[in-house]
Amino acid sequence: MDMPTLINEFWRWCRTECDVELGKSINVIGKNFNAFDVVFLAANGWNRNLFKHRAVDVGTMYVVKGDSVLPSLQQCKERAIVEGCQWFDNALVMHNALDDAMDVLRLAWWKLNGQS
């Protein structure tokens, strides 16, 4: 699928599945979204205004005393596993958009809803 088609499909999904009004920007939760993803998307024809300026980095949810930088996605997964999250068999990061997005979703859900 070429980039213009992908952008149109993404916006169709946002409007129909997420109730986003046409022309409105969206909130994002990710891992390094502003430093990597939005730059990559902009370089491939996406309008930066599609996304709100602020994004939530799931790494902030997994910071522990002694960290000098935000934990990586792998470190977040390792910490979630130690906390008892059973959604991960291991902390391997696949480094592809869909798998990484699902990891971020599970990590955020665990911190916000799943922990006892």
PDB file of N, CA and C in Angstrom:
ATOM      1  N   MET A   1       0.860  -1.177   0.000  1.00  0.00           N
ATOM      2  CA  MET A   1       0.000   0.000   0.000  1.00  0.00           C
ATOM      3  C   MET A   1       0.903   1.235   0.000  1.00  0.00           C
ATOM      4  N   ASP A   2       0.635   2.180  -0.889  1.00  0.00           N
ATOM      5  CA  ASP A   2       1.451   3.388  -0.947  1.00  0.00           C
ATOM      6  C   ASP A   2       1.063   4.338   0.202  1.00  0.00           C
ATOM      7  N   MET A   3       1.938   5.307   0.484  1.00  0.00           N
ATOM      8  CA  MET A   3       1.750   6.192   1.634  1.00  0.00           C
ATOM      9  C   MET A   3       0.461   7.015   1.555  1.00  0.00           C
ATOM     10  N   PRO A   4       0.108   7.634   0.418  1.00  0.00           N
ATOM     11  CA  PRO A   4      -1.157   8.392   0.379  1.00  0.00           C
ATOM     12  C   PRO A   4      -2.371   7.513   0.700  1.00  0.00           C
ATOM     13  N   THR A   5      -2.383   6.290   0.204  1.00  0.00           N
ATOM     14  CA  THR A   5      -3.491   5.377   0.490  1.00  0.00           C
ATOM     15  C   THR A   5      -3.504   5.010   1.967  1.00  0.00           C
ATOM     16  N   LEU A   6      -2.331   4.758   2.523  1.00  0.00           N
ATOM     17  CA  LEU A   6      -2.222   4.424   3.942  1.00  0.00           C
ATOM     18  C   LEU A   6      -2.718   5.573   4.815  1.00  0.00           C
ATOM     19  N   ILE A   7      -2.347   6.795   4.474  1.00  0.00           N
ATOM     20  CA  ILE A   7      -2.801   7.964   5.238  1.00  0.00           C
ATOM     21  C   ILE A   7      -4.325   8.069   5.187  1.00  0.00           C
ATOM     22  N   ASN A   8      -4.895   7.899   3.988  1.00  0.00           N
ATOM     23  CA  ASN A   8      -6.351   7.969   3.852  1.00  0.00           C
ATOM     24  C   ASN A   8      -7.045   6.859   4.635  1.00  0.00           C
ATOM     25  N   GLU A   9      -6.489   5.664   4.625  1.00  0.00           N
ATOM     26  CA  GLU A   9      -7.070   4.551   5.377  1.00  0.00           C
ATOM     27  C   GLU A   9      -6.974   4.803   6.883  1.00  0.00           C
ATOM     28  N   PHE A  10      -5.856   5.369   7.315  1.00  0.00           N
ATOM     29  CA  PHE A  10      -5.696   5.684   8.731  1.00  0.00           C
ATOM     30  C   PHE A  10      -6.747   6.695   9.169  1.00  0.00           C
ATOM     31  N   TRP A  11      -6.940   7.740   8.375  1.00  0.00           N
ATOM     32  CA  TRP A  11      -7.945   8.746   8.728  1.00  0.00           C
ATOM     33  C   TRP A  11      -9.360   8.200   8.664  1.00  0.00           C
ATOM     34  N   ARG A  12      -9.630   7.318   7.715  1.00  0.00           N
ATOM     35  CA  ARG A  12     -10.943   6.681   7.668  1.00  0.00           C
ATOM     36  C   ARG A  12     -11.169   5.907   8.963  1.00  0.00           C
ATOM     37  N   TRP A  13     -10.156   5.177   9.400  1.00  0.00           N
ATOM     38  CA  TRP A  13     -10.253   4.401  10.639  1.00  0.00           C
ATOM     39  C   TRP A  13     -10.451   5.330  11.842  1.00  0.00           C
ATOM     40  N   CYS A  14      -9.686   6.420  11.906  1.00  0.00           N
ATOM     41  CA  CYS A  14      -9.827   7.371  13.020  1.00  0.00           C
ATOM     42  C   CYS A  14     -11.243   7.934  13.086  1.00  0.00           C
ATOM     43  N   ARG A  15     -11.803   8.288  11.918  1.00  0.00           N
ATOM     44  CA  ARG A  15     -13.152   8.880  11.893  1.00  0.00           C
ATOM     45  C   ARG A  15     -14.222   7.859  12.242  1.00  0.00           C
ATOM     46  N   THR A  16     -14.102   6.634  11.718  1.00  0.00           N
ATOM     47  CA  THR A  16     -15.173   5.654  11.914  1.00  0.00           C
ATOM     48  C   THR A  16     -15.038   4.871  13.207  1.00  0.00           C
ATOM     49  N   GLU A  17     -13.836   4.520  13.590  1.00  0.00           N
ATOM     50  CA  GLU A  17     -13.643   3.665  14.762  1.00  0.00           C
ATOM     51  C   GLU A  17     -13.348   4.446  16.037  1.00  0.00           C
ATOM     52  N   CYS A  18     -12.787   5.641  15.902  1.00  0.00           N
ATOM     53  CA  CYS A  18     -12.365   6.406  17.086  1.00  0.00           C
ATOM     54  C   CYS A  18     -13.115   7.719  17.250  1.00  0.00           C
ATOM     55  N   ASP A  19     -14.055   7.985  16.380  1.00  0.00           N
ATOM     56  CA  ASP A  19     -14.868   9.196  16.473  1.00  0.00           C
ATOM     57  C   ASP A  19     -14.056  10.487  16.405  1.00  0.00           C
ATOM     58  N   VAL A  20     -13.009  10.500  15.603  1.00  0.00           N
ATOM     59  CA  VAL A  20     -12.196  11.704  15.426  1.00  0.00           C
ATOM     60  C   VAL A  20     -12.798  12.524  14.300  1.00  0.00           C
ATOM     61  N   GLU A  21     -13.043  13.797  14.564  1.00  0.00           N
ATOM     62  CA  GLU A  21     -13.590  14.670  13.531  1.00  0.00           C
ATOM     63  C   GLU A  21     -12.533  14.954  12.472  1.00  0.00           C
ATOM     64  N   LEU A  22     -12.971  15.035  11.241  1.00  0.00           N
ATOM     65  CA  LEU A  22     -12.075  15.358  10.134  1.00  0.00           C
ATOM     66  C   LEU A  22     -11.372  16.680  10.415  1.00  0.00           C
ATOM     67  N   GLY A  23     -10.066  16.704  10.271  1.00  0.00           N
ATOM     68  CA  GLY A  23      -9.293  17.922  10.496  1.00  0.00           C
ATOM     69  C   GLY A  23      -8.827  18.110  11.923  1.00  0.00           C
ATOM     70  N   LYS A  24      -9.267  17.275  12.848  1.00  0.00           N
ATOM     71  CA  LYS A  24      -8.840  17.380  14.249  1.00  0.00           C
ATOM     72  C   LYS A  24      -7.580  16.547  14.456  1.00  0.00           C
ATOM     73  N   SER A  25      -6.725  17.006  15.354  1.00  0.00           N
ATOM     74  CA  SER A  25      -5.529  16.232  15.669  1.00  0.00           C
ATOM     75  C   SER A  25      -5.861  15.203  16.747  1.00  0.00           C
ATOM     76  N   ILE A  26      -5.023  14.168  16.846  1.00  0.00           N
ATOM     77  CA  ILE A  26      -5.290  13.083  17.781  1.00  0.00           C
ATOM     78  C   ILE A  26      -4.190  12.987  18.836  1.00  0.00           C
ATOM     79  N   ASN A  27      -4.567  12.472  19.994  1.00  0.00           N
ATOM     80  CA  ASN A  27      -3.609  12.188  21.067  1.00  0.00           C
ATOM     81  C   ASN A  27      -2.909  10.883  20.759  1.00  0.00           C
ATOM     82  N   VAL A  28      -1.668  10.791  21.197  1.00  0.00           N
ATOM     83  CA  VAL A  28      -0.873   9.600  20.911  1.00  0.00           C
ATOM     84  C   VAL A  28      -0.226   9.107  22.196  1.00  0.00           C
ATOM     85  N   ILE A  29      -0.198   7.787  22.358  1.00  0.00           N
ATOM     86  CA  ILE A  29       0.639   7.154  23.362  1.00  0.00           C
ATOM     87  C   ILE A  29       1.550   6.212  22.597  1.00  0.00           C
ATOM     88  N   GLY A  30       2.817   6.237  22.906  1.00  0.00           N
ATOM     89  CA  GLY A  30       3.766   5.414  22.172  1.00  0.00           C
ATOM     90  C   GLY A  30       5.062   5.285  22.932  1.00  0.00           C
ATOM     91  N   LYS A  31       6.102   4.922  22.230  1.00  0.00           N
ATOM     92  CA  LYS A  31       7.445   4.847  22.783  1.00  0.00           C
ATOM     93  C   LYS A  31       8.343   5.585  21.824  1.00  0.00           C
ATOM     94  N   ASN A  32       8.875   6.705  22.261  1.00  0.00           N
ATOM     95  CA  ASN A  32       9.728   7.573  21.430  1.00  0.00           C
ATOM     96  C   ASN A  32       8.971   8.146  20.230  1.00  0.00           C
ATOM     97  N   PHE A  33       7.671   8.362  20.380  1.00  0.00           N
ATOM     98  CA  PHE A  33       6.848   8.794  19.245  1.00  0.00           C
ATOM     99  C   PHE A  33       7.337  10.108  18.644  1.00  0.00           C
ATOM    100  N   ASN A  34       7.525  11.135  19.476  1.00  0.00           N
ATOM    101  CA  ASN A  34       7.935  12.438  18.940  1.00  0.00           C
ATOM    102  C   ASN A  34       9.352  12.440  18.396  1.00  0.00           C
ATOM    103  N   ALA A  35      10.211  11.619  18.962  1.00  0.00           N
ATOM    104  CA  ALA A  35      11.605  11.599  18.526  1.00  0.00           C
ATOM    105  C   ALA A  35      11.820  10.730  17.291  1.00  0.00           C
ATOM    106  N   PHE A  36      10.974   9.744  17.081  1.00  0.00           N
ATOM    107  CA  PHE A  36      11.202   8.830  15.959  1.00  0.00           C
ATOM    108  C   PHE A  36      10.004   8.754  15.014  1.00  0.00           C
ATOM    109  N   ASP A  37       8.873   8.286  15.522  1.00  0.00           N
ATOM    110  CA  ASP A  37       7.729   7.988  14.649  1.00  0.00           C
ATOM    111  C   ASP A  37       7.227   9.199  13.889  1.00  0.00           C
ATOM    112  N   VAL A  38       7.002  10.310  14.584  1.00  0.00           N
ATOM    113  CA  VAL A  38       6.436  11.473  13.898  1.00  0.00           C
ATOM    114  C   VAL A  38       7.424  12.021  12.862  1.00  0.00           C
ATOM    115  N   VAL A  39       8.714  11.922  13.124  1.00  0.00           N
ATOM    116  CA  VAL A  39       9.731  12.359  12.158  1.00  0.00           C
ATOM    117  C   VAL A  39       9.692  11.459  10.925  1.00  0.00           C
ATOM    118  N   PHE A  40       9.624  10.156  11.157  1.00  0.00           N
ATOM    119  CA  PHE A  40       9.535   9.198  10.047  1.00  0.00           C
ATOM    120  C   PHE A  40       8.273   9.434   9.229  1.00  0.00           C
ATOM    121  N   LEU A  41       7.137   9.592   9.920  1.00  0.00           N
ATOM    122  CA  LEU A  41       5.877   9.797   9.212  1.00  0.00           C
ATOM    123  C   LEU A  41       5.888  11.094   8.410  1.00  0.00           C
ATOM    124  N   ALA A  42       6.426  12.166   8.996  1.00  0.00           N
ATOM    125  CA  ALA A  42       6.491  13.453   8.293  1.00  0.00           C
ATOM    126  C   ALA A  42       7.368  13.342   7.046  1.00  0.00           C
ATOM    127  N   ALA A  43       8.463  12.590   7.160  1.00  0.00           N
ATOM    128  CA  ALA A  43       9.357  12.408   6.013  1.00  0.00           C
ATOM    129  C   ALA A  43       8.688  11.606   4.903  1.00  0.00           C
ATOM    130  N   ASN A  44       7.621  10.895   5.248  1.00  0.00           N
ATOM    131  CA  ASN A  44       6.911  10.081   4.269  1.00  0.00           C
ATOM    132  C   ASN A  44       5.551  10.663   3.890  1.00  0.00           C
ATOM    133  N   GLY A  45       5.390  11.978   4.102  1.00  0.00           N
ATOM    134  CA  GLY A  45       4.219  12.658   3.596  1.00  0.00           C
ATOM    135  C   GLY A  45       3.073  12.876   4.570  1.00  0.00           C
ATOM    136  N   TRP A  46       3.210  12.410   5.807  1.00  0.00           N
ATOM    137  CA  TRP A  46       2.159  12.648   6.790  1.00  0.00           C
ATOM    138  C   TRP A  46       2.251  14.081   7.276  1.00  0.00           C
ATOM    139  N   ASN A  47       1.128  14.691   7.495  1.00  0.00           N
ATOM    140  CA  ASN A  47       1.062  16.035   8.040  1.00  0.00           C
ATOM    141  C   ASN A  47       1.268  15.947   9.550  1.00  0.00           C
ATOM    142  N   ARG A  48       2.269  16.638  10.073  1.00  0.00           N
ATOM    143  CA  ARG A  48       2.548  16.600  11.516  1.00  0.00           C
ATOM    144  C   ARG A  48       1.357  17.071  12.344  1.00  0.00           C
ATOM    145  N   ASN A  49       0.503  17.869  11.742  1.00  0.00           N
ATOM    146  CA  ASN A  49      -0.656  18.386  12.469  1.00  0.00           C
ATOM    147  C   ASN A  49      -1.732  17.335  12.707  1.00  0.00           C
ATOM    148  N   LEU A  50      -1.547  16.135  12.170  1.00  0.00           N
ATOM    149  CA  LEU A  50      -2.491  15.055  12.442  1.00  0.00           C
ATOM    150  C   LEU A  50      -2.421  14.629  13.907  1.00  0.00           C
ATOM    151  N   PHE A  51      -1.271  14.868  14.536  1.00  0.00           N
ATOM    152  CA  PHE A  51      -1.040  14.422  15.901  1.00  0.00           C
ATOM    153  C   PHE A  51      -0.883  15.619  16.825  1.00  0.00           C
ATOM    154  N   LYS A  52      -1.439  15.532  18.005  1.00  0.00           N
ATOM    155  CA  LYS A  52      -1.266  16.594  18.986  1.00  0.00           C
ATOM    156  C   LYS A  52       0.227  16.740  19.291  1.00  0.00           C
ATOM    157  N   HIS A  53       0.618  17.944  19.672  1.00  0.00           N
ATOM    158  CA  HIS A  53       2.020  18.238  19.956  1.00  0.00           C
ATOM    159  C   HIS A  53       2.563  17.357  21.082  1.00  0.00           C
ATOM    160  N   ARG A  54       1.738  17.123  22.087  1.00  0.00           N
ATOM    161  CA  ARG A  54       2.182  16.314  23.229  1.00  0.00           C
ATOM    162  C   ARG A  54       1.807  14.855  23.004  1.00  0.00           C
ATOM    163  N   ALA A  55       2.703  13.963  23.392  1.00  0.00           N
ATOM    164  CA  ALA A  55       2.437  12.536  23.318  1.00  0.00           C
ATOM    165  C   ALA A  55       2.858  11.910  24.642  1.00  0.00           C
ATOM    166  N   VAL A  56       2.179  10.856  25.025  1.00  0.00           N
ATOM    167  CA  VAL A  56       2.540  10.121  26.237  1.00  0.00           C
ATOM    168  C   VAL A  56       3.541   9.047  25.844  1.00  0.00           C
ATOM    169  N   ASP A  57       4.683   9.026  26.508  1.00  0.00           N
ATOM    170  CA  ASP A  57       5.670   7.969  26.296  1.00  0.00           C
ATOM    171  C   ASP A  57       5.464   6.942  27.399  1.00  0.00           C
ATOM    172  N   VAL A  58       5.150   5.717  27.018  1.00  0.00           N
ATOM    173  CA  VAL A  58       4.868   4.671  27.997  1.00  0.00           C
ATOM    174  C   VAL A  58       6.058   4.449  28.943  1.00  0.00           C
ATOM    175  N   GLY A  59       7.238   4.840  28.517  1.00  0.00           N
ATOM    176  CA  GLY A  59       8.418   4.708  29.379  1.00  0.00           C
ATOM    177  C   GLY A  59       8.282   5.451  30.697  1.00  0.00           C
ATOM    178  N   THR A  60       7.525   6.563  30.680  1.00  0.00           N
ATOM    179  CA  THR A  60       7.342   7.323  31.923  1.00  0.00           C
ATOM    180  C   THR A  60       6.605   6.510  32.974  1.00  0.00           C
ATOM    181  N   MET A  61       5.841   5.521  32.553  1.00  0.00           N
ATOM    182  CA  MET A  61       5.088   4.686  33.485  1.00  0.00           C
ATOM    183  C   MET A  61       5.960   3.625  34.149  1.00  0.00           C
ATOM    184  N   TYR A  62       7.156   3.429  33.624  1.00  0.00           N
ATOM    185  CA  TYR A  62       8.033   2.354  34.102  1.00  0.00           C
ATOM    186  C   TYR A  62       9.367   2.869  34.651  1.00  0.00           C
ATOM    187  N   VAL A  63       9.442   4.151  34.927  1.00  0.00           N
ATOM    188  CA  VAL A  63      10.647   4.729  35.522  1.00  0.00           C
ATOM    189  C   VAL A  63      10.766   4.230  36.966  1.00  0.00           C
ATOM    190  N   VAL A  64      11.973   3.858  37.344  1.00  0.00           N
ATOM    191  CA  VAL A  64      12.235   3.463  38.726  1.00  0.00           C
ATOM    192  C   VAL A  64      13.390   4.298  39.272  1.00  0.00           C
ATOM    193  N   LYS A  65      13.480   4.340  40.576  1.00  0.00           N
ATOM    194  CA  LYS A  65      14.555   5.092  41.214  1.00  0.00           C
ATOM    195  C   LYS A  65      15.894   4.604  40.676  1.00  0.00           C
ATOM    196  N   GLY A  66      16.729   5.539  40.323  1.00  0.00           N
ATOM    197  CA  GLY A  66      18.044   5.213  39.780  1.00  0.00           C
ATOM    198  C   GLY A  66      18.128   5.338  38.273  1.00  0.00           C
ATOM    199  N   ASP A  67      16.984   5.378  37.583  1.00  0.00           N
ATOM    200  CA  ASP A  67      17.010   5.566  36.130  1.00  0.00           C
ATOM    201  C   ASP A  67      17.516   6.967  35.819  1.00  0.00           C
ATOM    202  N   SER A  68      18.411   7.063  34.855  1.00  0.00           N
ATOM    203  CA  SER A  68      18.874   8.387  34.428  1.00  0.00           C
ATOM    204  C   SER A  68      18.234   8.779  33.091  1.00  0.00           C
ATOM    205  N   VAL A  69      17.630   7.815  32.420  1.00  0.00           N
ATOM    206  CA  VAL A  69      16.888   8.054  31.183  1.00  0.00           C
ATOM    207  C   VAL A  69      15.625   7.196  31.227  1.00  0.00           C
ATOM    208  N   LEU A  70      14.685   7.510  30.353  1.00  0.00           N
ATOM    209  CA  LEU A  70      13.487   6.682  30.283  1.00  0.00           C
ATOM    210  C   LEU A  70      13.875   5.264  29.867  1.00  0.00           C
ATOM    211  N   PRO A  71      13.219   4.273  30.440  1.00  0.00           N
ATOM    212  CA  PRO A  71      13.533   2.896  30.050  1.00  0.00           C
ATOM    213  C   PRO A  71      13.120   2.624  28.605  1.00  0.00           C
ATOM    214  N   SER A  72      13.855   1.724  27.984  1.00  0.00           N
ATOM    215  CA  SER A  72      13.536   1.294  26.624  1.00  0.00           C
ATOM    216  C   SER A  72      12.272   0.450  26.645  1.00  0.00           C
ATOM    217  N   LEU A  73      11.753   0.143  25.471  1.00  0.00           N
ATOM    218  CA  LEU A  73      10.584  -0.717  25.383  1.00  0.00           C
ATOM    219  C   LEU A  73      10.879  -2.083  25.995  1.00  0.00           C
ATOM    220  N   GLN A  74      12.064  -2.605  25.743  1.00  0.00           N
ATOM    221  CA  GLN A  74      12.456  -3.889  26.320  1.00  0.00           C
ATOM    222  C   GLN A  74      12.490  -3.809  27.847  1.00  0.00           C
ATOM    223  N   GLN A  75      13.064  -2.746  28.387  1.00  0.00           N
ATOM    224  CA  GLN A  75      13.112  -2.581  29.836  1.00  0.00           C
ATOM    225  C   GLN A  75      11.704  -2.454  30.422  1.00  0.00           C
ATOM    226  N   CYS A  76      10.822  -1.735  29.731  1.00  0.00           N
ATOM    227  CA  CYS A  76       9.433  -1.624  30.195  1.00  0.00           C
ATOM    228  C   CYS A  76       8.791  -3.000  30.264  1.00  0.00           C
ATOM    229  N   LYS A  77       8.998  -3.806  29.226  1.00  0.00           N
ATOM    230  CA  LYS A  77       8.429  -5.153  29.211  1.00  0.00           C
ATOM    231  C   LYS A  77       9.019  -5.997  30.338  1.00  0.00           C
ATOM    232  N   GLU A  78      10.325  -5.903  30.549  1.00  0.00           N
ATOM    233  CA  GLU A  78      10.962  -6.649  31.639  1.00  0.00           C
ATOM    234  C   GLU A  78      10.351  -6.269  32.983  1.00  0.00           C
ATOM    235  N   ARG A  79      10.146  -4.982  33.192  1.00  0.00           N
ATOM    236  CA  ARG A  79       9.588  -4.513  34.470  1.00  0.00           C
ATOM    237  C   ARG A  79       8.140  -4.944  34.630  1.00  0.00           C
ATOM    238  N   ALA A  80       7.380  -4.935  33.547  1.00  0.00           N
ATOM    239  CA  ALA A  80       5.987  -5.388  33.617  1.00  0.00           C
ATOM    240  C   ALA A  80       5.933  -6.878  33.964  1.00  0.00           C
ATOM    241  N   ILE A  81       6.823  -7.661  33.375  1.00  0.00           N
ATOM    242  CA  ILE A  81       6.869  -9.098  33.664  1.00  0.00           C
ATOM    243  C   ILE A  81       7.169  -9.326  35.144  1.00  0.00           C
ATOM    244  N   VAL A  82       8.140  -8.593  35.677  1.00  0.00           N
ATOM    245  CA  VAL A  82       8.487  -8.713  37.098  1.00  0.00           C
ATOM    246  C   VAL A  82       7.290  -8.339  37.978  1.00  0.00           C
ATOM    247  N   GLU A  83       6.507  -7.369  37.535  1.00  0.00           N
ATOM    248  CA  GLU A  83       5.323  -6.935  38.294  1.00  0.00           C
ATOM    249  C   GLU A  83       4.178  -7.945  38.221  1.00  0.00           C
ATOM    250  N   GLY A  84       4.314  -8.936  37.348  1.00  0.00           N
ATOM    251  CA  GLY A  84       3.285  -9.965  37.246  1.00  0.00           C
ATOM    252  C   GLY A  84       2.439  -9.925  35.998  1.00  0.00           C
ATOM    253  N   CYS A  85       2.764  -9.045  35.054  1.00  0.00           N
ATOM    254  CA  CYS A  85       2.003  -8.961  33.807  1.00  0.00           C
ATOM    255  C   CYS A  85       2.218 -10.245  33.007  1.00  0.00           C
ATOM    256  N   GLN A  86       1.136 -10.937  32.749  1.00  0.00           N
ATOM    257  CA  GLN A  86       1.216 -12.217  32.038  1.00  0.00           C
ATOM    258  C   GLN A  86       0.961 -12.077  30.538  1.00  0.00           C
ATOM    259  N   TRP A  87       0.864 -10.861  30.051  1.00  0.00           N
ATOM    260  CA  TRP A  87       0.639 -10.648  28.622  1.00  0.00           C
ATOM    261  C   TRP A  87       1.907 -10.816  27.799  1.00  0.00           C
ATOM    262  N   PHE A  88       3.045 -10.923  28.473  1.00  0.00           N
ATOM    263  CA  PHE A  88       4.319 -11.064  27.772  1.00  0.00           C
ATOM    264  C   PHE A  88       4.981 -12.369  28.191  1.00  0.00           C
ATOM    265  N   ASP A  89       5.390 -13.172  27.205  1.00  0.00           N
ATOM    266  CA  ASP A  89       6.169 -14.383  27.485  1.00  0.00           C
ATOM    267  C   ASP A  89       7.633 -14.033  27.705  1.00  0.00           C
ATOM    268  N   ASN A  90       8.053 -12.926  27.075  1.00  0.00           N
ATOM    269  CA  ASN A  90       9.444 -12.485  27.181  1.00  0.00           C
ATOM    270  C   ASN A  90       9.488 -10.993  26.869  1.00  0.00           C
ATOM    271  N   ALA A  91      10.663 -10.411  26.991  1.00  0.00           N
ATOM    272  CA  ALA A  91      10.813  -8.965  26.787  1.00  0.00           C
ATOM    273  C   ALA A  91      11.336  -8.621  25.391  1.00  0.00           C
ATOM    274  N   LEU A  92      11.342  -9.583  24.498  1.00  0.00           N
ATOM    275  CA  LEU A  92      11.824  -9.351  23.137  1.00  0.00           C
ATOM    276  C   LEU A  92      11.005  -8.251  22.466  1.00  0.00           C
ATOM    277  N   VAL A  93      11.686  -7.320  21.806  1.00  0.00           N
ATOM    278  CA  VAL A  93      11.048  -6.249  21.042  1.00  0.00           C
ATOM    279  C   VAL A  93      11.220  -6.587  19.567  1.00  0.00           C
ATOM    280  N   MET A  94      10.112  -6.627  18.844  1.00  0.00           N
ATOM    281  CA  MET A  94      10.144  -7.049  17.440  1.00  0.00           C
ATOM    282  C   MET A  94      10.619  -5.947  16.484  1.00  0.00           C
ATOM    283  N   HIS A  95      10.527  -4.699  16.889  1.00  0.00           N
ATOM    284  CA  HIS A  95      10.949  -3.566  16.051  1.00  0.00           C
ATOM    285  C   HIS A  95      10.188  -3.498  14.736  1.00  0.00           C
ATOM    286  N   ASN A  96       8.885  -3.785  14.805  1.00  0.00           N
ATOM    287  CA  ASN A  96       8.016  -3.486  13.673  1.00  0.00           C
ATOM    288  C   ASN A  96       6.800  -2.758  14.245  1.00  0.00           C
ATOM    289  N   ALA A  97       6.210  -1.926  13.441  1.00  0.00           N
ATOM    290  CA  ALA A  97       5.210  -0.978  13.928  1.00  0.00           C
ATOM    291  C   ALA A  97       4.043  -1.641  14.649  1.00  0.00           C
ATOM    292  N   LEU A  98       3.479  -2.681  14.087  1.00  0.00           N
ATOM    293  CA  LEU A  98       2.300  -3.286  14.686  1.00  0.00           C
ATOM    294  C   LEU A  98       2.620  -3.976  16.012  1.00  0.00           C
ATOM    295  N   ASP A  99       3.659  -4.795  16.033  1.00  0.00           N
ATOM    296  CA  ASP A  99       4.027  -5.483  17.274  1.00  0.00           C
ATOM    297  C   ASP A  99       4.434  -4.499  18.360  1.00  0.00           C
ATOM    298  N   ASP A 100       5.205  -3.484  17.994  1.00  0.00           N
ATOM    299  CA  ASP A 100       5.628  -2.493  18.983  1.00  0.00           C
ATOM    300  C   ASP A 100       4.434  -1.700  19.512  1.00  0.00           C
ATOM    301  N   ALA A 101       3.491  -1.374  18.636  1.00  0.00           N
ATOM    302  CA  ALA A 101       2.289  -0.660  19.078  1.00  0.00           C
ATOM    303  C   ALA A 101       1.473  -1.519  20.038  1.00  0.00           C
ATOM    304  N   MET A 102       1.377  -2.811  19.760  1.00  0.00           N
ATOM    305  CA  MET A 102       0.658  -3.710  20.667  1.00  0.00           C
ATOM    306  C   MET A 102       1.374  -3.819  22.008  1.00  0.00           C
ATOM    307  N   ASP A 103       2.711  -3.835  21.999  1.00  0.00           N
ATOM    308  CA  ASP A 103       3.465  -3.837  23.261  1.00  0.00           C
ATOM    309  C   ASP A 103       3.150  -2.586  24.073  1.00  0.00           C
ATOM    310  N   VAL A 104       3.155  -1.434  23.404  1.00  0.00           N
ATOM    311  CA  VAL A 104       2.858  -0.172  24.091  1.00  0.00           C
ATOM    312  C   VAL A 104       1.445  -0.205  24.664  1.00  0.00           C
ATOM    313  N   LEU A 105       0.495  -0.676  23.881  1.00  0.00           N
ATOM    314  CA  LEU A 105      -0.885  -0.774  24.356  1.00  0.00           C
ATOM    315  C   LEU A 105      -0.966  -1.658  25.601  1.00  0.00           C
ATOM    316  N   ARG A 106      -0.344  -2.813  25.563  1.00  0.00           N
ATOM    317  CA  ARG A 106      -0.388  -3.732  26.708  1.00  0.00           C
ATOM    318  C   ARG A 106       0.317  -3.138  27.927  1.00  0.00           C
ATOM    319  N   LEU A 107       1.445  -2.473  27.704  1.00  0.00           N
ATOM    320  CA  LEU A 107       2.165  -1.855  28.824  1.00  0.00           C
ATOM    321  C   LEU A 107       1.336  -0.755  29.475  1.00  0.00           C
ATOM    322  N   ALA A 108       0.723   0.080  28.661  1.00  0.00           N
ATOM    323  CA  ALA A 108      -0.099   1.157  29.206  1.00  0.00           C
ATOM    324  C   ALA A 108      -1.315   0.579  29.932  1.00  0.00           C
ATOM    325  N   TRP A 109      -1.964  -0.403  29.309  1.00  0.00           N
ATOM    326  CA  TRP A 109      -3.143  -0.999  29.923  1.00  0.00           C
ATOM    327  C   TRP A 109      -2.779  -1.643  31.260  1.00  0.00           C
ATOM    328  N   TRP A 110      -1.644  -2.318  31.312  1.00  0.00           N
ATOM    329  CA  TRP A 110      -1.200  -2.955  32.557  1.00  0.00           C
ATOM    330  C   TRP A 110      -1.030  -1.917  33.658  1.00  0.00           C
ATOM    331  N   LYS A 111      -0.355  -0.825  33.343  1.00  0.00           N
ATOM    332  CA  LYS A 111      -0.122   0.198  34.364  1.00  0.00           C
ATOM    333  C   LYS A 111      -1.405   0.907  34.766  1.00  0.00           C
ATOM    334  N   LEU A 112      -2.287   1.141  33.818  1.00  0.00           N
ATOM    335  CA  LEU A 112      -3.477   1.937  34.117  1.00  0.00           C
ATOM    336  C   LEU A 112      -4.661   1.095  34.604  1.00  0.00           C
ATOM    337  N   ASN A 113      -4.702  -0.185  34.245  1.00  0.00           N
ATOM    338  CA  ASN A 113      -5.882  -0.989  34.566  1.00  0.00           C
ATOM    339  C   ASN A 113      -5.602  -2.379  35.136  1.00  0.00           C
ATOM    340  N   GLY A 114      -4.473  -2.971  34.754  1.00  0.00           N
ATOM    341  CA  GLY A 114      -4.296  -4.391  35.020  1.00  0.00           C
ATOM    342  C   GLY A 114      -3.646  -4.778  36.323  1.00  0.00           C
ATOM    343  N   GLN A 115      -2.887  -3.865  36.915  1.00  0.00           N
ATOM    344  CA  GLN A 115      -2.192  -4.226  38.142  1.00  0.00           C
ATOM    345  C   GLN A 115      -3.150  -4.366  39.311  1.00  0.00           C
ATOM    346  N   SER A 116      -2.850  -5.329  40.148  1.00  0.00           N
ATOM    347  CA  SER A 116      -3.647  -5.484  41.372  1.00  0.00           C
ATOM    348  C   SER A 116      -3.114  -4.610  42.461  1.00  0.00           C
TER     349      SER A 116
END
